[in-house]
Amino acid sequence: MTAIEIIRLVSLSASLLISLIGFLLALIKAIKNKKWDTLKDAVKDFISKAEGFTNFTGAEKKEIVLAWASNFCSKQGIKFEENKVSSIIDELVSLTKKVNQRDKDKVKTEEIAETTEII
């Protein structure tokens, strides 16, 4: 084998290796994202169930949802990251409150927005 053939073979091997590593990283990321999507769907269900607990405060409901999410993660082999799950819960509850606003609450929100614009 000549030096040029060896260089071509090494460069081809290196490019194949880089492509394989890129593919594996993308595959791992896709699997993690799928697991997080599954977790988000489960958290939505947990929040819905927790809303049925009328004798609990919002903080207590959130703790219950976090416990359920932790249990779900351990069963599904997902790394439980309490801060991320807590953020997901806060976002979903905030969105739900915004979507389900009563008419009288909407008026207050609009008034606050108008006074904020004046300042």
PDB file of N, CA and C in Angstrom:
ATOM      1  N   MET A   1       0.830  -1.183   0.000  1.00  0.00           N
ATOM      2  CA  MET A   1       0.000   0.000   0.000  1.00  0.00           C
ATOM      3  C   MET A   1       0.870   1.241   0.000  1.00  0.00           C
ATOM      4  N   THR A   2       0.437   2.183  -0.794  1.00  0.00           N
ATOM      5  CA  THR A   2       1.194   3.427  -0.846  1.00  0.00           C
ATOM      6  C   THR A   2       0.710   4.357   0.259  1.00  0.00           C
ATOM      7  N   ALA A   3       1.464   5.393   0.476  1.00  0.00           N
ATOM      8  CA  ALA A   3       1.143   6.373   1.521  1.00  0.00           C
ATOM      9  C   ALA A   3      -0.189   7.059   1.214  1.00  0.00           C
ATOM     10  N   ILE A   4      -0.467   7.314  -0.048  1.00  0.00           N
ATOM     11  CA  ILE A   4      -1.717   7.979  -0.435  1.00  0.00           C
ATOM     12  C   ILE A   4      -2.911   7.075  -0.128  1.00  0.00           C
ATOM     13  N   GLU A   5      -2.776   5.786  -0.413  1.00  0.00           N
ATOM     14  CA  GLU A   5      -3.858   4.845  -0.125  1.00  0.00           C
ATOM     15  C   GLU A   5      -4.113   4.742   1.383  1.00  0.00           C
ATOM     16  N   ILE A   6      -3.057   4.746   2.163  1.00  0.00           N
ATOM     17  CA  ILE A   6      -3.177   4.679   3.623  1.00  0.00           C
ATOM     18  C   ILE A   6      -3.883   5.945   4.138  1.00  0.00           C
ATOM     19  N   ILE A   7      -3.514   7.093   3.621  1.00  0.00           N
ATOM     20  CA  ILE A   7      -4.135   8.358   4.028  1.00  0.00           C
ATOM     21  C   ILE A   7      -5.622   8.347   3.664  1.00  0.00           C
ATOM     22  N   ARG A   8      -5.946   7.873   2.480  1.00  0.00           N
ATOM     23  CA  ARG A   8      -7.359   7.784   2.066  1.00  0.00           C
ATOM     24  C   ARG A   8      -8.144   6.842   2.983  1.00  0.00           C
ATOM     25  N   LEU A   9      -7.536   5.698   3.292  1.00  0.00           N
ATOM     26  CA  LEU A   9      -8.187   4.727   4.165  1.00  0.00           C
ATOM     27  C   LEU A   9      -8.407   5.305   5.567  1.00  0.00           C
ATOM     28  N   VAL A  10      -7.426   5.993   6.091  1.00  0.00           N
ATOM     29  CA  VAL A  10      -7.548   6.610   7.423  1.00  0.00           C
ATOM     30  C   VAL A  10      -8.607   7.707   7.407  1.00  0.00           C
ATOM     31  N   SER A  11      -8.618   8.538   6.373  1.00  0.00           N
ATOM     32  CA  SER A  11      -9.596   9.615   6.318  1.00  0.00           C
ATOM     33  C   SER A  11     -11.013   9.067   6.139  1.00  0.00           C
ATOM     34  N   LEU A  12     -11.156   8.011   5.354  1.00  0.00           N
ATOM     35  CA  LEU A  12     -12.459   7.369   5.188  1.00  0.00           C
ATOM     36  C   LEU A  12     -12.933   6.761   6.506  1.00  0.00           C
ATOM     37  N   SER A  13     -12.026   6.105   7.205  1.00  0.00           N
ATOM     38  CA  SER A  13     -12.365   5.509   8.502  1.00  0.00           C
ATOM     39  C   SER A  13     -12.760   6.589   9.509  1.00  0.00           C
ATOM     40  N   ALA A  14     -12.031   7.686   9.521  1.00  0.00           N
ATOM     41  CA  ALA A  14     -12.325   8.776  10.445  1.00  0.00           C
ATOM     42  C   ALA A  14     -13.684   9.399  10.139  1.00  0.00           C
ATOM     43  N   SER A  15     -13.978   9.602   8.861  1.00  0.00           N
ATOM     44  CA  SER A  15     -15.273  10.198   8.513  1.00  0.00           C
ATOM     45  C   SER A  15     -16.424   9.252   8.852  1.00  0.00           C
ATOM     46  N   LEU A  16     -16.234   7.949   8.657  1.00  0.00           N
ATOM     47  CA  LEU A  16     -17.255   6.972   9.042  1.00  0.00           C
ATOM     48  C   LEU A  16     -17.457   6.960  10.558  1.00  0.00           C
ATOM     49  N   LEU A  17     -16.377   7.034  11.301  1.00  0.00           N
ATOM     50  CA  LEU A  17     -16.454   7.047  12.753  1.00  0.00           C
ATOM     51  C   LEU A  17     -17.178   8.298  13.253  1.00  0.00           C
ATOM     52  N   ILE A  18     -16.869   9.435  12.674  1.00  0.00           N
ATOM     53  CA  ILE A  18     -17.530  10.687  13.061  1.00  0.00           C
ATOM     54  C   ILE A  18     -19.015  10.624  12.734  1.00  0.00           C
ATOM     55  N   SER A  19     -19.355  10.098  11.589  1.00  0.00           N
ATOM     56  CA  SER A  19     -20.762   9.955  11.207  1.00  0.00           C
ATOM     57  C   SER A  19     -21.496   9.018  12.166  1.00  0.00           C
ATOM     58  N   LEU A  20     -20.862   7.922  12.533  1.00  0.00           N
ATOM     59  CA  LEU A  20     -21.461   6.967  13.460  1.00  0.00           C
ATOM     60  C   LEU A  20     -21.676   7.599  14.831  1.00  0.00           C
ATOM     61  N   ILE A  21     -20.711   8.328  15.323  1.00  0.00           N
ATOM     62  CA  ILE A  21     -20.842   9.010  16.615  1.00  0.00           C
ATOM     63  C   ILE A  21     -21.982  10.019  16.567  1.00  0.00           C
ATOM     64  N   GLY A  22     -22.054  10.793  15.493  1.00  0.00           N
ATOM     65  CA  GLY A  22     -23.148  11.761  15.335  1.00  0.00           C
ATOM     66  C   GLY A  22     -24.503  11.092  15.333  1.00  0.00           C
ATOM     67  N   PHE A  23     -24.605   9.970  14.631  1.00  0.00           N
ATOM     68  CA  PHE A  23     -25.860   9.217  14.587  1.00  0.00           C
ATOM     69  C   PHE A  23     -26.233   8.704  15.971  1.00  0.00           C
ATOM     70  N   LEU A  24     -25.278   8.139  16.692  1.00  0.00           N
ATOM     71  CA  LEU A  24     -25.555   7.609  18.026  1.00  0.00           C
ATOM     72  C   LEU A  24     -25.977   8.715  18.993  1.00  0.00           C
ATOM     73  N   LEU A  25     -25.329   9.870  18.916  1.00  0.00           N
ATOM     74  CA  LEU A  25     -25.713  10.989  19.783  1.00  0.00           C
ATOM     75  C   LEU A  25     -27.132  11.466  19.472  1.00  0.00           C
ATOM     76  N   ALA A  26     -27.467  11.544  18.195  1.00  0.00           N
ATOM     77  CA  ALA A  26     -28.818  11.946  17.803  1.00  0.00           C
ATOM     78  C   ALA A  26     -29.848  10.920  18.259  1.00  0.00           C
ATOM     79  N   LEU A  27     -29.502   9.650  18.179  1.00  0.00           N
ATOM     80  CA  LEU A  27     -30.407   8.588  18.621  1.00  0.00           C
ATOM     81  C   LEU A  27     -30.637   8.659  20.131  1.00  0.00           C
ATOM     82  N   ILE A  28     -29.579   8.852  20.878  1.00  0.00           N
ATOM     83  CA  ILE A  28     -29.694   8.971  22.338  1.00  0.00           C
ATOM     84  C   ILE A  28     -30.549  10.173  22.707  1.00  0.00           C
ATOM     85  N   LYS A  29     -30.332  11.290  22.026  1.00  0.00           N
ATOM     86  CA  LYS A  29     -31.118  12.494  22.300  1.00  0.00           C
ATOM     87  C   LYS A  29     -32.597  12.266  21.980  1.00  0.00           C
ATOM     88  N   ALA A  30     -32.880  11.586  20.879  1.00  0.00           N
ATOM     89  CA  ALA A  30     -34.272  11.302  20.505  1.00  0.00           C
ATOM     90  C   ALA A  30     -34.944  10.404  21.535  1.00  0.00           C
ATOM     91  N   ILE A  31     -34.216   9.431  22.038  1.00  0.00           N
ATOM     92  CA  ILE A  31     -34.773   8.535  23.061  1.00  0.00           C
ATOM     93  C   ILE A  31     -35.061   9.315  24.336  1.00  0.00           C
ATOM     94  N   LYS A  32     -34.137  10.185  24.744  1.00  0.00           N
ATOM     95  CA  LYS A  32     -34.357  10.997  25.945  1.00  0.00           C
ATOM     96  C   LYS A  32     -35.563  11.914  25.767  1.00  0.00           C
ATOM     97  N   ASN A  33     -35.672  12.543  24.590  1.00  0.00           N
ATOM     98  CA  ASN A  33     -36.805  13.437  24.338  1.00  0.00           C
ATOM     99  C   ASN A  33     -38.124  12.673  24.370  1.00  0.00           C
ATOM    100  N   LYS A  34     -38.127  11.466  23.834  1.00  0.00           N
ATOM    101  CA  LYS A  34     -39.342  10.653  23.853  1.00  0.00           C
ATOM    102  C   LYS A  34     -39.730  10.323  25.287  1.00  0.00           C
ATOM    103  N   LYS A  35     -38.734  10.001  26.102  1.00  0.00           N
ATOM    104  CA  LYS A  35     -39.007   9.706  27.504  1.00  0.00           C
ATOM    105  C   LYS A  35     -39.561  10.945  28.215  1.00  0.00           C
ATOM    106  N   TRP A  36     -38.997  12.126  27.916  1.00  0.00           N
ATOM    107  CA  TRP A  36     -39.484  13.353  28.547  1.00  0.00           C
ATOM    108  C   TRP A  36     -40.894  13.680  28.068  1.00  0.00           C
ATOM    109  N   ASP A  37     -41.185  13.412  26.800  1.00  0.00           N
ATOM    110  CA  ASP A  37     -42.551  13.621  26.304  1.00  0.00           C
ATOM    111  C   ASP A  37     -43.526  12.699  27.016  1.00  0.00           C
ATOM    112  N   THR A  38     -43.110  11.456  27.238  1.00  0.00           N
ATOM    113  CA  THR A  38     -43.935  10.504  27.978  1.00  0.00           C
ATOM    114  C   THR A  38     -44.160  11.004  29.398  1.00  0.00           C
ATOM    115  N   LEU A  39     -43.100  11.515  30.016  1.00  0.00           N
ATOM    116  CA  LEU A  39     -43.208  12.041  31.379  1.00  0.00           C
ATOM    117  C   LEU A  39     -44.145  13.249  31.423  1.00  0.00           C
ATOM    118  N   LYS A  40     -44.028  14.140  30.437  1.00  0.00           N
ATOM    119  CA  LYS A  40     -44.899  15.323  30.401  1.00  0.00           C
ATOM    120  C   LYS A  40     -46.362  14.919  30.290  1.00  0.00           C
ATOM    121  N   ASP A  41     -46.643  13.929  29.458  1.00  0.00           N
ATOM    122  CA  ASP A  41     -48.018  13.443  29.331  1.00  0.00           C
ATOM    123  C   ASP A  41     -48.513  12.867  30.656  1.00  0.00           C
ATOM    124  N   ALA A  42     -47.648  12.126  31.335  1.00  0.00           N
ATOM    125  CA  ALA A  42     -48.028  11.545  32.623  1.00  0.00           C
ATOM    126  C   ALA A  42     -48.269  12.650  33.655  1.00  0.00           C
ATOM    127  N   VAL A  43     -47.434  13.675  33.650  1.00  0.00           N
ATOM    128  CA  VAL A  43     -47.586  14.786  34.599  1.00  0.00           C
ATOM    129  C   VAL A  43     -48.919  15.496  34.368  1.00  0.00           C
ATOM    130  N   LYS A  44     -49.320  15.637  33.104  1.00  0.00           N
ATOM    131  CA  LYS A  44     -50.630  16.236  32.812  1.00  0.00           C
ATOM    132  C   LYS A  44     -51.741  15.429  33.473  1.00  0.00           C
ATOM    133  N   ASP A  45     -51.655  14.120  33.354  1.00  0.00           N
ATOM    134  CA  ASP A  45     -52.650  13.249  33.986  1.00  0.00           C
ATOM    135  C   ASP A  45     -52.598  13.371  35.510  1.00  0.00           C
ATOM    136  N   PHE A  46     -51.392  13.428  36.064  1.00  0.00           N
ATOM    137  CA  PHE A  46     -51.249  13.548  37.514  1.00  0.00           C
ATOM    138  C   PHE A  46     -51.859  14.860  38.022  1.00  0.00           C
ATOM    139  N   ILE A  47     -51.642  15.939  37.271  1.00  0.00           N
ATOM    140  CA  ILE A  47     -52.204  17.234  37.662  1.00  0.00           C
ATOM    141  C   ILE A  47     -53.728  17.159  37.645  1.00  0.00           C
ATOM    142  N   SER A  48     -54.276  16.551  36.625  1.00  0.00           N
ATOM    143  CA  SER A  48     -55.738  16.404  36.535  1.00  0.00           C
ATOM    144  C   SER A  48     -56.281  15.635  37.733  1.00  0.00           C
ATOM    145  N   LYS A  49     -55.610  14.559  38.100  1.00  0.00           N
ATOM    146  CA  LYS A  49     -56.051  13.769  39.250  1.00  0.00           C
ATOM    147  C   LYS A  49     -55.923  14.572  40.546  1.00  0.00           C
ATOM    148  N   ALA A  50     -54.835  15.310  40.682  1.00  0.00           N
ATOM    149  CA  ALA A  50     -54.599  16.084  41.906  1.00  0.00           C
ATOM    150  C   ALA A  50     -55.618  17.212  42.058  1.00  0.00           C
ATOM    151  N   GLU A  51     -56.114  17.740  40.963  1.00  0.00           N
ATOM    152  CA  GLU A  51     -57.116  18.797  41.039  1.00  0.00           C
ATOM    153  C   GLU A  51     -58.403  18.311  41.690  1.00  0.00           C
ATOM    154  N   GLY A  52     -58.609  17.017  41.708  1.00  0.00           N
ATOM    155  CA  GLY A  52     -59.784  16.443  42.368  1.00  0.00           C
ATOM    156  C   GLY A  52     -59.685  16.463  43.885  1.00  0.00           C
ATOM    157  N   PHE A  53     -58.501  16.717  44.406  1.00  0.00           N
ATOM    158  CA  PHE A  53     -58.298  16.772  45.854  1.00  0.00           C
ATOM    159  C   PHE A  53     -58.654  18.166  46.358  1.00  0.00           C
ATOM    160  N   THR A  54     -59.889  18.373  46.703  1.00  0.00           N
ATOM    161  CA  THR A  54     -60.367  19.719  47.052  1.00  0.00           C
ATOM    162  C   THR A  54     -59.913  20.180  48.427  1.00  0.00           C
ATOM    163  N   ASN A  55     -59.500  19.276  49.295  1.00  0.00           N
ATOM    164  CA  ASN A  55     -59.098  19.666  50.649  1.00  0.00           C
ATOM    165  C   ASN A  55     -57.596  19.911  50.785  1.00  0.00           C
ATOM    166  N   PHE A  56     -56.908  19.993  49.679  1.00  0.00           N
ATOM    167  CA  PHE A  56     -55.467  20.205  49.698  1.00  0.00           C
ATOM    168  C   PHE A  56     -55.124  21.575  49.113  1.00  0.00           C
ATOM    169  N   THR A  57     -54.024  22.143  49.568  1.00  0.00           N
ATOM    170  CA  THR A  57     -53.549  23.403  48.996  1.00  0.00           C
ATOM    171  C   THR A  57     -52.829  23.113  47.677  1.00  0.00           C
ATOM    172  N   GLY A  58     -52.542  24.165  46.943  1.00  0.00           N
ATOM    173  CA  GLY A  58     -51.806  24.003  45.687  1.00  0.00           C
ATOM    174  C   GLY A  58     -50.433  23.404  45.909  1.00  0.00           C
ATOM    175  N   ALA A  59     -49.755  23.839  46.970  1.00  0.00           N
ATOM    176  CA  ALA A  59     -48.423  23.309  47.268  1.00  0.00           C
ATOM    177  C   ALA A  59     -48.483  21.823  47.605  1.00  0.00           C
ATOM    178  N   GLU A  60     -49.516  21.422  48.351  1.00  0.00           N
ATOM    179  CA  GLU A  60     -49.661  20.010  48.696  1.00  0.00           C
ATOM    180  C   GLU A  60     -49.952  19.177  47.449  1.00  0.00           C
ATOM    181  N   LYS A  61     -50.777  19.711  46.568  1.00  0.00           N
ATOM    182  CA  LYS A  61     -51.075  19.012  45.323  1.00  0.00           C
ATOM    183  C   LYS A  61     -49.809  18.850  44.487  1.00  0.00           C
ATOM    184  N   LYS A  62     -48.994  19.899  44.466  1.00  0.00           N
ATOM    185  CA  LYS A  62     -47.757  19.838  43.694  1.00  0.00           C
ATOM    186  C   LYS A  62     -46.824  18.761  44.256  1.00  0.00           C
ATOM    187  N   GLU A  63     -46.739  18.659  45.574  1.00  0.00           N
ATOM    188  CA  GLU A  63     -45.906  17.628  46.194  1.00  0.00           C
ATOM    189  C   GLU A  63     -46.409  16.226  45.835  1.00  0.00           C
ATOM    190  N   ILE A  64     -47.725  16.070  45.788  1.00  0.00           N
ATOM    191  CA  ILE A  64     -48.303  14.781  45.410  1.00  0.00           C
ATOM    192  C   ILE A  64     -47.939  14.457  43.968  1.00  0.00           C
ATOM    193  N   VAL A  65     -48.075  15.443  43.093  1.00  0.00           N
ATOM    194  CA  VAL A  65     -47.746  15.237  41.673  1.00  0.00           C
ATOM    195  C   VAL A  65     -46.263  14.913  41.516  1.00  0.00           C
ATOM    196  N   LEU A  66     -45.405  15.596  42.270  1.00  0.00           N
ATOM    197  CA  LEU A  66     -43.968  15.304  42.210  1.00  0.00           C
ATOM    198  C   LEU A  66     -43.682  13.870  42.666  1.00  0.00           C
ATOM    199  N   ALA A  67     -44.371  13.434  43.711  1.00  0.00           N
ATOM    200  CA  ALA A  67     -44.172  12.055  44.191  1.00  0.00           C
ATOM    201  C   ALA A  67     -44.617  11.050  43.127  1.00  0.00           C
ATOM    202  N   TRP A  68     -45.769  11.311  42.529  1.00  0.00           N
ATOM    203  CA  TRP A  68     -46.245  10.421  41.468  1.00  0.00           C
ATOM    204  C   TRP A  68     -45.276  10.408  40.292  1.00  0.00           C
ATOM    205  N   ALA A  69     -44.756  11.591  39.936  1.00  0.00           N
ATOM    206  CA  ALA A  69     -43.813  11.687  38.822  1.00  0.00           C
ATOM    207  C   ALA A  69     -42.521  10.938  39.139  1.00  0.00           C
ATOM    208  N   SER A  70     -42.056  11.048  40.371  1.00  0.00           N
ATOM    209  CA  SER A  70     -40.847  10.337  40.780  1.00  0.00           C
ATOM    210  C   SER A  70     -41.050   8.823  40.660  1.00  0.00           C
ATOM    211  N   ASN A  71     -42.188   8.367  41.121  1.00  0.00           N
ATOM    212  CA  ASN A  71     -42.526   6.944  41.025  1.00  0.00           C
ATOM    213  C   ASN A  71     -42.608   6.506  39.560  1.00  0.00           C
ATOM    214  N   PHE A  72     -43.249   7.326  38.733  1.00  0.00           N
ATOM    215  CA  PHE A  72     -43.368   7.033  37.303  1.00  0.00           C
ATOM    216  C   PHE A  72     -41.985   6.925  36.666  1.00  0.00           C
ATOM    217  N   CYS A  73     -41.106   7.868  36.998  1.00  0.00           N
ATOM    218  CA  CYS A  73     -39.756   7.865  36.431  1.00  0.00           C
ATOM    219  C   CYS A  73     -38.996   6.602  36.817  1.00  0.00           C
ATOM    220  N   SER A  74     -39.114   6.202  38.077  1.00  0.00           N
ATOM    221  CA  SER A  74     -38.378   5.007  38.495  1.00  0.00           C
ATOM    222  C   SER A  74     -38.896   3.763  37.773  1.00  0.00           C
ATOM    223  N   LYS A  75     -40.197   3.701  37.521  1.00  0.00           N
ATOM    224  CA  LYS A  75     -40.757   2.550  36.810  1.00  0.00           C
ATOM    225  C   LYS A  75     -40.392   2.557  35.327  1.00  0.00           C
ATOM    226  N   GLN A  76     -40.260   3.764  34.744  1.00  0.00           N
ATOM    227  CA  GLN A  76     -39.975   3.883  33.310  1.00  0.00           C
ATOM    228  C   GLN A  76     -38.481   3.966  32.990  1.00  0.00           C
ATOM    229  N   GLY A  77     -37.650   4.000  34.019  1.00  0.00           N
ATOM    230  CA  GLY A  77     -36.211   4.096  33.794  1.00  0.00           C
ATOM    231  C   GLY A  77     -35.775   5.475  33.337  1.00  0.00           C
ATOM    232  N   ILE A  78     -36.517   6.498  33.772  1.00  0.00           N
ATOM    233  CA  ILE A  78     -36.200   7.881  33.433  1.00  0.00           C
ATOM    234  C   ILE A  78     -35.527   8.513  34.642  1.00  0.00           C
ATOM    235  N   LYS A  79     -34.457   9.262  34.404  1.00  0.00           N
ATOM    236  CA  LYS A  79     -33.785   9.960  35.492  1.00  0.00           C
ATOM    237  C   LYS A  79     -34.716  11.058  35.995  1.00  0.00           C
ATOM    238  N   PHE A  80     -35.070  11.031  37.270  1.00  0.00           N
ATOM    239  CA  PHE A  80     -35.976  12.016  37.846  1.00  0.00           C
ATOM    240  C   PHE A  80     -35.189  13.264  38.204  1.00  0.00           C
ATOM    241  N   GLU A  81     -35.558  14.381  37.577  1.00  0.00           N
ATOM    242  CA  GLU A  81     -34.944  15.666  37.863  1.00  0.00           C
ATOM    243  C   GLU A  81     -36.027  16.567  38.432  1.00  0.00           C
ATOM    244  N   GLU A  82     -36.037  16.682  39.755  1.00  0.00           N
ATOM    245  CA  GLU A  82     -37.126  17.370  40.451  1.00  0.00           C
ATOM    246  C   GLU A  82     -37.305  18.806  39.966  1.00  0.00           C
ATOM    247  N   ASN A  83     -36.219  19.513  39.715  1.00  0.00           N
ATOM    248  CA  ASN A  83     -36.340  20.911  39.262  1.00  0.00           C
ATOM    249  C   ASN A  83     -37.050  21.005  37.917  1.00  0.00           C
ATOM    250  N   LYS A  84     -36.703  20.122  36.995  1.00  0.00           N
ATOM    251  CA  LYS A  84     -37.340  20.137  35.676  1.00  0.00           C
ATOM    252  C   LYS A  84     -38.811  19.762  35.770  1.00  0.00           C
ATOM    253  N   VAL A  85     -39.108  18.732  36.553  1.00  0.00           N
ATOM    254  CA  VAL A  85     -40.498  18.294  36.697  1.00  0.00           C
ATOM    255  C   VAL A  85     -41.307  19.385  37.387  1.00  0.00           C
ATOM    256  N   SER A  86     -40.719  20.022  38.378  1.00  0.00           N
ATOM    257  CA  SER A  86     -41.393  21.121  39.073  1.00  0.00           C
ATOM    258  C   SER A  86     -41.695  22.264  38.108  1.00  0.00           C
ATOM    259  N   SER A  87     -40.757  22.562  37.228  1.00  0.00           N
ATOM    260  CA  SER A  87     -40.975  23.612  36.220  1.00  0.00           C
ATOM    261  C   SER A  87     -42.098  23.232  35.264  1.00  0.00           C
ATOM    262  N   ILE A  88     -42.126  21.959  34.872  1.00  0.00           N
ATOM    263  CA  ILE A  88     -43.192  21.483  33.984  1.00  0.00           C
ATOM    264  C   ILE A  88     -44.546  21.651  34.666  1.00  0.00           C
ATOM    265  N   ILE A  89     -44.619  21.274  35.935  1.00  0.00           N
ATOM    266  CA  ILE A  89     -45.873  21.403  36.687  1.00  0.00           C
ATOM    267  C   ILE A  89     -46.299  22.863  36.746  1.00  0.00           C
ATOM    268  N   ASP A  90     -45.356  23.744  37.088  1.00  0.00           N
ATOM    269  CA  ASP A  90     -45.682  25.170  37.183  1.00  0.00           C
ATOM    270  C   ASP A  90     -46.185  25.721  35.851  1.00  0.00           C
ATOM    271  N   GLU A  91     -45.534  25.343  34.756  1.00  0.00           N
ATOM    272  CA  GLU A  91     -45.946  25.817  33.431  1.00  0.00           C
ATOM    273  C   GLU A  91     -47.343  25.327  33.075  1.00  0.00           C
ATOM    274  N   LEU A  92     -47.603  24.047  33.333  1.00  0.00           N
ATOM    275  CA  LEU A  92     -48.906  23.486  32.993  1.00  0.00           C
ATOM    276  C   LEU A  92     -50.020  24.096  33.845  1.00  0.00           C
ATOM    277  N   VAL A  93     -49.770  24.286  35.131  1.00  0.00           N
ATOM    278  CA  VAL A  93     -50.777  24.881  36.004  1.00  0.00           C
ATOM    279  C   VAL A  93     -51.019  26.330  35.605  1.00  0.00           C
ATOM    280  N   SER A  94     -49.947  27.060  35.295  1.00  0.00           N
ATOM    281  CA  SER A  94     -50.083  28.454  34.858  1.00  0.00           C
ATOM    282  C   SER A  94     -50.890  28.550  33.577  1.00  0.00           C
ATOM    283  N   LEU A  95     -50.603  27.673  32.630  1.00  0.00           N
ATOM    284  CA  LEU A  95     -51.338  27.656  31.372  1.00  0.00           C
ATOM    285  C   LEU A  95     -52.810  27.333  31.614  1.00  0.00           C
ATOM    286  N   THR A  96     -53.060  26.361  32.472  1.00  0.00           N
ATOM    287  CA  THR A  96     -54.437  25.980  32.780  1.00  0.00           C
ATOM    288  C   THR A  96     -55.196  27.138  33.404  1.00  0.00           C
ATOM    289  N   LYS A  97     -54.540  27.838  34.324  1.00  0.00           N
ATOM    290  CA  LYS A  97     -55.187  28.988  34.961  1.00  0.00           C
ATOM    291  C   LYS A  97     -55.487  30.073  33.936  1.00  0.00           C
ATOM    292  N   LYS A  98     -54.567  30.284  33.020  1.00  0.00           N
ATOM    293  CA  LYS A  98     -54.763  31.317  32.005  1.00  0.00           C
ATOM    294  C   LYS A  98     -55.906  30.948  31.061  1.00  0.00           C
ATOM    295  N   VAL A  99     -55.949  29.697  30.644  1.00  0.00           N
ATOM    296  CA  VAL A  99     -56.972  29.239  29.705  1.00  0.00           C
ATOM    297  C   VAL A  99     -58.352  29.216  30.364  1.00  0.00           C
ATOM    298  N   ASN A 100     -58.392  28.828  31.623  1.00  0.00           N
ATOM    299  CA  ASN A 100     -59.662  28.652  32.310  1.00  0.00           C
ATOM    300  C   ASN A 100     -60.084  29.867  33.136  1.00  0.00           C
ATOM    301  N   GLN A 101     -59.565  31.022  32.817  1.00  0.00           N
ATOM    302  CA  GLN A 101     -59.937  32.227  33.551  1.00  0.00           C
ATOM    303  C   GLN A 101     -61.426  32.492  33.441  1.00  0.00           C
ATOM    304  N   ARG A 102     -61.995  32.926  34.549  1.00  0.00           N
ATOM    305  CA  ARG A 102     -63.395  33.330  34.532  1.00  0.00           C
ATOM    306  C   ARG A 102     -63.468  34.746  33.976  1.00  0.00           C
ATOM    307  N   ASP A 103     -64.643  35.133  33.488  1.00  0.00           N
ATOM    308  CA  ASP A 103     -64.804  36.459  32.888  1.00  0.00           C
ATOM    309  C   ASP A 103     -64.428  37.569  33.857  1.00  0.00           C
ATOM    310  N   LYS A 104     -64.817  37.464  35.120  1.00  0.00           N
ATOM    311  CA  LYS A 104     -64.496  38.525  36.080  1.00  0.00           C
ATOM    312  C   LYS A 104     -62.983  38.613  36.320  1.00  0.00           C
ATOM    313  N   ASP A 105     -62.268  37.487  36.249  1.00  0.00           N
ATOM    314  CA  ASP A 105     -60.817  37.507  36.399  1.00  0.00           C
ATOM    315  C   ASP A 105     -60.150  38.119  35.176  1.00  0.00           C
ATOM    316  N   LYS A 106     -60.730  37.892  33.988  1.00  0.00           N
ATOM    317  CA  LYS A 106     -60.177  38.466  32.764  1.00  0.00           C
ATOM    318  C   LYS A 106     -60.236  39.977  32.818  1.00  0.00           C
ATOM    319  N   VAL A 107     -61.310  40.527  33.353  1.00  0.00           N
ATOM    320  CA  VAL A 107     -61.439  41.980  33.458  1.00  0.00           C
ATOM    321  C   VAL A 107     -60.329  42.526  34.347  1.00  0.00           C
ATOM    322  N   LYS A 108     -60.064  41.882  35.473  1.00  0.00           N
ATOM    323  CA  LYS A 108     -59.005  42.336  36.371  1.00  0.00           C
ATOM    324  C   LYS A 108     -57.646  42.272  35.685  1.00  0.00           C
ATOM    325  N   THR A 109     -57.396  41.211  34.936  1.00  0.00           N
ATOM    326  CA  THR A 109     -56.132  41.069  34.228  1.00  0.00           C
ATOM    327  C   THR A 109     -55.966  42.165  33.189  1.00  0.00           C
ATOM    328  N   GLU A 110     -57.043  42.474  32.466  1.00  0.00           N
ATOM    329  CA  GLU A 110     -56.984  43.534  31.460  1.00  0.00           C
ATOM    330  C   GLU A 110     -56.752  44.885  32.119  1.00  0.00           C
ATOM    331  N   GLU A 111     -57.380  45.144  33.275  1.00  0.00           N
ATOM    332  CA  GLU A 111     -57.189  46.406  33.978  1.00  0.00           C
ATOM    333  C   GLU A 111     -55.749  46.545  34.435  1.00  0.00           C
ATOM    334  N   ILE A 112     -55.177  45.461  34.933  1.00  0.00           N
ATOM    335  CA  ILE A 112     -53.777  45.494  35.375  1.00  0.00           C
ATOM    336  C   ILE A 112     -52.878  45.779  34.187  1.00  0.00           C
ATOM    337  N   ALA A 113     -53.153  45.163  33.046  1.00  0.00           N
ATOM    338  CA  ALA A 113     -52.338  45.385  31.847  1.00  0.00           C
ATOM    339  C   ALA A 113     -52.428  46.831  31.401  1.00  0.00           C
ATOM    340  N   GLU A 114     -53.642  47.426  31.474  1.00  0.00           N
ATOM    341  CA  GLU A 114     -53.809  48.811  31.047  1.00  0.00           C
ATOM    342  C   GLU A 114     -53.060  49.759  31.978  1.00  0.00           C
ATOM    343  N   THR A 115     -53.117  49.526  33.281  1.00  0.00           N
ATOM    344  CA  THR A 115     -52.403  50.413  34.217  1.00  0.00           C
ATOM    345  C   THR A 115     -50.914  50.242  34.086  1.00  0.00           C
ATOM    346  N   THR A 116     -50.463  49.059  33.748  1.00  0.00           N
ATOM    347  CA  THR A 116     -49.029  48.823  33.554  1.00  0.00           C
ATOM    348  C   THR A 116     -48.536  49.567  32.330  1.00  0.00           C
ATOM    349  N   GLU A 117     -49.354  49.653  31.283  1.00  0.00           N
ATOM    350  CA  GLU A 117     -48.962  50.343  30.067  1.00  0.00           C
ATOM    351  C   GLU A 117     -48.852  51.840  30.317  1.00  0.00           C
ATOM    352  N   ILE A 118     -49.689  52.383  31.195  1.00  0.00           N
ATOM    353  CA  ILE A 118     -49.676  53.823  31.476  1.00  0.00           C
ATOM    354  C   ILE A 118     -48.388  54.200  32.179  1.00  0.00           C
ATOM    355  N   ILE A 119     -47.912  53.336  33.052  1.00  0.00           N
ATOM    356  CA  ILE A 119     -46.697  53.617  33.823  1.00  0.00           C
ATOM    357  C   ILE A 119     -45.529  53.500  32.927  1.00  0.00           C
TER     358      ILE A 119
END
